[in-house]
Amino acid sequence: MKTNTVKSKILDEQKYVISKKVDAFFTDIYNVYMFILRFFKEAFSPPFEFKEIINQCYLVGYKSLALISLTGFITGIVFTKQSRPSLSNFGATSWLPSLISIAIVKALAPLVTALIAAGKVGSNMGAELGSMKVTEQIDAMEVSATNPFKYLVVTRITAVTLMIPILVLYTGFVGMMGSYLNIHQTELTSFTAFFKSAFASITFLDIYASIFKAFCYGFTIGVAGCFQGYYAQNGTQGVGRAANSTVVLSMFLIFVEEMIIVQFVNAIR
């Protein structure tokens, strides 16, 4: 009898824990939904914080330029080096520029840029807003009749959403230049011949799809970083948890969005 009682208590405790986790999961989804609705409501209602948006664009774009330049350039070189032996086996090295352009424009440029931004920009947003939350700076802004959501959240999400597409185009250009230098060094291909061959296989749909991906990725990174930071709790541990959760959640959602958008574009094609 005692054994059955203990087992039933353990089962009840497990059911309770599972129930709490399920409730917390759906509560988080609802909170994110309301957070996004509030963003769109505040974003299109005056007053508009243009100066802070420009400042955040500078921090997101210019401050990330060096890292993205180096990563994009190396990506182009490495992918070219890895692809050459496979094409050489079939005597198709002349297809290398087309292969590189398809890979960079369709997938690598948006993904590389978004993942770097998630690690650098997203974590910074989560930590910054989280520290402001736990030190009650956000509460102080509300007391002083300032709308902290519009000033802190709307400006950051808007800046990331606008700057990621620009950075994606820049990453694609830098990646293609890295690929060109590698191909020119090996096959002495001219600049004009390389880019003619590269863009022969690229359509406007591919470019539009990459830009659309970039907007989605930027919005996702901004929402994840601001949401985790704006509702951070438990002091300094909460700040670290907000930064970490932002990076993990952003990267996971980026890959999910990549899969969905690719399926959608292929259906249109």
Protein backbone atom coordinates (compact mmCIF):
# COMPACT_ATOMS: atom_id res chain seq x y z
CA MET A 1 0.00 0.00 0.00
CA LYS A 2 2.80 2.41 0.93
CA THR A 3 4.63 1.64 -2.34
CA ASN A 4 1.49 2.40 -4.36
CA THR A 5 0.98 5.63 -2.43
CA VAL A 6 4.56 6.75 -3.08
CA LYS A 7 4.24 5.91 -6.79
CA SER A 8 0.98 7.82 -7.07
CA LYS A 9 2.57 10.85 -5.39
CA ILE A 10 5.53 10.74 -7.78
CA LEU A 11 3.18 10.51 -10.76
CA ASP A 12 1.12 13.42 -9.44
CA GLU A 13 4.28 15.50 -9.00
CA GLN A 14 5.45 14.67 -12.54
CA LYS A 15 2.04 15.58 -13.96
CA TYR A 16 2.13 18.84 -12.03
CA VAL A 17 5.61 19.71 -13.32
CA ILE A 18 4.61 18.90 -16.91
CA SER A 19 1.43 20.92 -16.52
CA LYS A 20 3.39 23.92 -15.22
CA LYS A 21 5.84 23.71 -18.13
CA VAL A 22 3.01 23.53 -20.67
CA ASP A 23 1.27 26.49 -19.03
CA ALA A 24 4.52 28.47 -19.03
CA PHE A 25 5.11 27.66 -22.72
CA PHE A 26 1.70 28.91 -23.85
CA THR A 27 1.95 31.90 -21.52
CA ASP A 28 5.25 32.86 -23.16
CA ILE A 29 3.69 32.54 -26.62
CA TYR A 30 0.83 34.82 -25.56
CA ASN A 31 3.25 37.34 -24.05
CA VAL A 32 5.33 37.42 -27.25
CA TYR A 33 2.15 37.86 -29.30
CA MET A 34 1.06 40.82 -27.16
CA PHE A 35 4.63 42.19 -27.27
CA ILE A 36 4.61 42.17 -31.10
CA LEU A 37 1.14 43.74 -31.23
CA ARG A 38 2.29 46.49 -28.88
CA PHE A 39 5.34 47.07 -31.08
CA PHE A 40 3.23 47.67 -34.20
CA LYS A 41 0.86 49.89 -32.23
CA GLU A 42 3.69 52.05 -30.85
CA ALA A 43 5.73 52.03 -34.08
CA PHE A 44 3.00 53.74 -36.12
CA SER A 45 1.82 56.23 -33.51
CA PRO A 46 3.55 59.58 -32.80
CA PRO A 47 5.86 60.79 -31.41
CA PHE A 48 8.55 59.05 -33.44
CA GLU A 49 12.05 58.63 -32.00
CA PHE A 50 13.99 59.23 -35.23
CA LYS A 51 17.22 60.26 -33.51
CA GLU A 52 17.32 57.10 -31.42
CA ILE A 53 16.48 54.95 -34.46
CA ILE A 54 19.43 56.48 -36.35
CA ASN A 55 21.66 55.94 -33.33
CA GLN A 56 20.62 52.28 -33.12
CA CYS A 57 21.13 51.86 -36.88
CA TYR A 58 24.68 53.15 -36.38
CA LEU A 59 25.28 50.69 -33.53
CA VAL A 60 23.77 47.74 -35.43
CA GLY A 61 25.25 48.49 -38.85
CA TYR A 62 28.54 50.31 -38.52
CA LYS A 63 29.67 48.53 -35.35
CA SER A 64 29.07 45.14 -37.00
CA LEU A 65 30.75 46.05 -40.29
CA ALA A 66 34.26 44.85 -39.48
CA LEU A 67 33.16 41.44 -38.21
CA ILE A 68 30.74 40.89 -41.08
CA SER A 69 33.35 41.99 -43.65
CA LEU A 70 35.89 39.50 -42.36
CA THR A 71 33.36 36.68 -42.04
CA GLY A 72 31.82 37.27 -45.48
CA PHE A 73 35.22 37.47 -47.17
CA ILE A 74 36.43 34.25 -45.53
CA THR A 75 33.13 32.52 -46.35
CA GLY A 76 33.56 33.30 -50.06
CA ILE A 77 37.15 32.03 -50.11
CA VAL A 78 36.49 28.86 -48.10
CA PHE A 79 33.37 27.88 -50.04
CA THR A 80 35.23 28.37 -53.31
CA LYS A 81 38.15 26.24 -52.14
CA GLN A 82 35.80 23.51 -50.93
CA SER A 83 33.75 23.48 -54.15
CA ARG A 84 36.62 23.45 -56.66
CA PRO A 85 37.76 19.79 -56.15
CA SER A 86 34.22 18.46 -56.59
CA LEU A 87 33.68 20.38 -59.83
CA SER A 88 37.16 19.47 -61.08
CA ASN A 89 36.25 15.78 -60.91
CA PHE A 90 33.58 16.45 -63.54
CA GLY A 91 35.61 18.96 -65.56
CA ALA A 92 33.16 21.71 -64.63
CA THR A 93 35.33 24.31 -62.94
CA SER A 94 33.88 26.91 -65.31
CA TRP A 95 30.62 26.57 -63.35
CA LEU A 96 32.32 27.65 -60.13
CA PRO A 97 31.26 31.35 -60.27
CA SER A 98 27.63 30.34 -60.85
CA LEU A 99 27.72 27.85 -57.99
CA ILE A 100 29.26 30.38 -55.62
CA SER A 101 26.80 33.12 -56.55
CA ILE A 102 23.81 30.80 -56.07
CA ALA A 103 25.08 29.64 -52.67
CA ILE A 104 25.95 33.13 -51.41
CA VAL A 105 22.92 35.02 -52.71
CA LYS A 106 20.33 32.40 -51.84
CA ALA A 107 21.59 31.11 -48.50
CA LEU A 108 25.01 32.03 -47.16
CA ALA A 109 24.77 35.84 -47.13
CA PRO A 110 21.42 36.02 -45.26
CA LEU A 111 22.28 33.19 -42.88
CA VAL A 112 25.83 34.32 -42.06
CA THR A 113 24.71 37.90 -41.49
CA ALA A 114 21.73 36.90 -39.35
CA LEU A 115 23.72 34.47 -37.20
CA ILE A 116 26.45 37.04 -36.57
CA ALA A 117 23.84 39.67 -35.74
CA ALA A 118 22.06 37.25 -33.40
CA GLY A 119 25.30 36.64 -31.52
CA LYS A 120 26.53 40.23 -31.46
CA VAL A 121 23.52 42.53 -31.72
CA GLY A 122 20.84 40.31 -30.20
CA SER A 123 22.86 39.38 -27.10
CA ASN A 124 23.83 43.03 -26.63
CA MET A 125 20.18 44.09 -26.74
CA GLY A 126 19.13 41.39 -24.30
CA ALA A 127 21.91 42.26 -21.85
CA GLU A 128 21.45 46.04 -22.15
CA LEU A 129 17.70 46.04 -21.66
CA GLY A 130 17.98 43.33 -19.02
CA SER A 131 20.42 45.41 -16.96
CA MET A 132 18.13 48.43 -17.31
CA LYS A 133 15.19 46.32 -16.14
CA VAL A 134 16.84 44.81 -13.06
CA THR A 135 18.32 48.16 -12.00
CA GLU A 136 14.83 49.73 -12.35
CA GLN A 137 15.88 52.25 -14.98
CA ILE A 138 12.88 51.28 -17.10
CA ASP A 139 10.56 51.86 -14.14
CA ALA A 140 12.18 55.26 -13.60
CA MET A 141 11.47 56.19 -17.23
CA GLU A 142 7.81 55.31 -16.77
CA VAL A 143 7.62 57.47 -13.64
CA SER A 144 9.18 60.40 -15.51
CA ALA A 145 6.36 60.27 -18.10
CA THR A 146 8.60 58.74 -20.78
CA ASN A 147 7.39 55.80 -22.82
CA PRO A 148 10.24 53.29 -22.33
CA PHE A 149 8.72 50.77 -24.74
CA LYS A 150 8.74 53.24 -27.64
CA TYR A 151 12.18 54.63 -26.81
CA LEU A 152 13.96 51.37 -25.99
CA VAL A 153 12.11 48.59 -27.81
CA VAL A 154 10.54 50.12 -30.93
CA THR A 155 13.74 51.92 -31.92
CA ARG A 156 15.90 48.80 -31.55
CA ILE A 157 13.57 46.45 -33.41
CA THR A 158 13.13 49.01 -36.21
CA ALA A 159 16.89 49.54 -36.50
CA VAL A 160 17.70 45.83 -36.68
CA THR A 161 14.91 45.19 -39.19
CA LEU A 162 16.21 47.97 -41.46
CA MET A 163 19.93 47.28 -41.15
CA ILE A 164 20.06 43.50 -41.60
CA PRO A 165 18.95 43.66 -45.30
CA ILE A 166 21.66 46.27 -45.98
CA LEU A 167 24.26 44.13 -44.22
CA VAL A 168 23.09 41.08 -46.20
CA LEU A 169 23.72 42.87 -49.49
CA TYR A 170 27.12 43.96 -48.23
CA THR A 171 27.96 40.42 -47.06
CA GLY A 172 27.00 39.03 -50.45
CA PHE A 173 29.26 41.55 -52.21
CA VAL A 174 32.21 40.86 -49.89
CA GLY A 175 31.71 37.09 -50.21
CA MET A 176 31.68 37.33 -54.00
CA MET A 177 34.86 39.41 -53.94
CA GLY A 178 36.57 36.79 -51.80
CA SER A 179 35.48 34.11 -54.24
CA TYR A 180 36.67 36.17 -57.21
CA LEU A 181 40.13 36.67 -55.72
CA ASN A 182 40.49 32.94 -55.14
CA ILE A 183 39.30 32.05 -58.67
CA HIS A 184 41.43 34.78 -60.25
CA GLN A 185 44.48 33.54 -58.40
CA THR A 186 43.94 29.98 -59.65
CA GLU A 187 42.42 30.37 -63.12
CA LEU A 188 43.26 34.02 -63.96
CA THR A 189 39.59 34.74 -64.63
CA SER A 190 38.86 38.38 -65.38
CA PHE A 191 36.59 40.46 -63.19
CA THR A 192 34.01 40.94 -65.95
CA ALA A 193 33.93 37.27 -66.94
CA PHE A 194 33.56 36.19 -63.32
CA PHE A 195 30.56 38.37 -62.57
CA LYS A 196 28.89 37.66 -65.92
CA SER A 197 29.09 33.95 -65.19
CA ALA A 198 28.10 34.45 -61.55
CA PHE A 199 24.91 36.40 -62.19
CA ALA A 200 23.81 34.39 -65.22
CA SER A 201 22.12 31.92 -62.84
CA ILE A 202 20.66 34.52 -60.45
CA THR A 203 17.12 35.83 -60.94
CA PHE A 204 15.34 38.77 -59.38
CA LEU A 205 13.25 36.29 -57.39
CA ASP A 206 16.42 35.03 -55.69
CA ILE A 207 17.44 38.58 -54.75
CA TYR A 208 13.94 39.50 -53.53
CA ALA A 209 13.76 36.30 -51.50
CA SER A 210 17.11 37.03 -49.82
CA ILE A 211 16.04 40.57 -48.94
CA PHE A 212 12.73 39.28 -47.59
CA LYS A 213 14.63 36.73 -45.49
CA ALA A 214 16.82 39.52 -44.17
CA PHE A 215 13.81 41.57 -43.04
CA CYS A 216 12.34 38.51 -41.29
CA TYR A 217 15.65 37.67 -39.63
CA GLY A 218 16.17 41.24 -38.46
CA PHE A 219 12.68 41.48 -37.00
CA THR A 220 13.14 38.13 -35.26
CA ILE A 221 16.47 39.13 -33.71
CA GLY A 222 15.07 42.47 -32.55
CA VAL A 223 11.94 40.97 -30.99
CA ALA A 224 13.86 38.15 -29.29
CA GLY A 225 16.51 40.47 -27.85
CA CYS A 226 14.11 43.16 -26.68
CA PHE A 227 11.54 40.72 -25.27
CA GLN A 228 14.10 38.76 -23.26
CA GLY A 229 15.73 41.93 -21.95
CA TYR A 230 12.57 43.93 -21.30
CA TYR A 231 11.14 41.20 -19.08
CA ALA A 232 14.38 40.08 -17.41
CA GLN A 233 14.22 39.19 -13.72
CA ASN A 234 16.39 37.92 -10.84
CA GLY A 235 19.20 40.44 -10.94
CA THR A 236 22.48 39.79 -12.73
CA GLN A 237 21.56 36.16 -13.36
CA GLY A 238 18.52 37.37 -15.25
CA VAL A 239 20.71 39.63 -17.42
CA GLY A 240 22.95 36.73 -18.41
CA ARG A 241 19.95 34.50 -18.99
CA ALA A 242 18.34 37.16 -21.22
CA ALA A 243 21.48 37.48 -23.37
CA ASN A 244 21.88 33.71 -23.67
CA SER A 245 18.19 33.10 -24.40
CA THR A 246 18.25 35.78 -27.09
CA VAL A 247 21.08 34.11 -29.00
CA VAL A 248 19.66 30.58 -28.74
CA LEU A 249 16.09 31.58 -29.58
CA SER A 250 17.11 33.87 -32.45
CA MET A 251 19.30 31.24 -34.10
CA PHE A 252 16.62 28.57 -33.76
CA LEU A 253 13.93 30.82 -35.26
CA ILE A 254 16.26 31.91 -38.07
CA PHE A 255 16.70 28.32 -39.24
CA VAL A 256 12.95 27.67 -38.95
CA GLU A 257 12.21 30.78 -41.02
CA GLU A 258 14.86 29.75 -43.55
CA MET A 259 13.14 26.41 -44.06
CA ILE A 260 9.67 27.98 -44.41
CA ILE A 261 10.77 30.75 -46.79
CA VAL A 262 12.72 28.32 -48.99
CA GLN A 263 9.64 26.12 -49.33
CA PHE A 264 7.51 29.15 -50.15
CA VAL A 265 9.94 30.48 -52.79
CA ASN A 266 10.27 27.06 -54.40
CA ALA A 267 6.48 26.83 -54.60
CA ILE A 268 6.38 30.21 -56.40
CA ARG A 269 9.22 29.22 -58.71
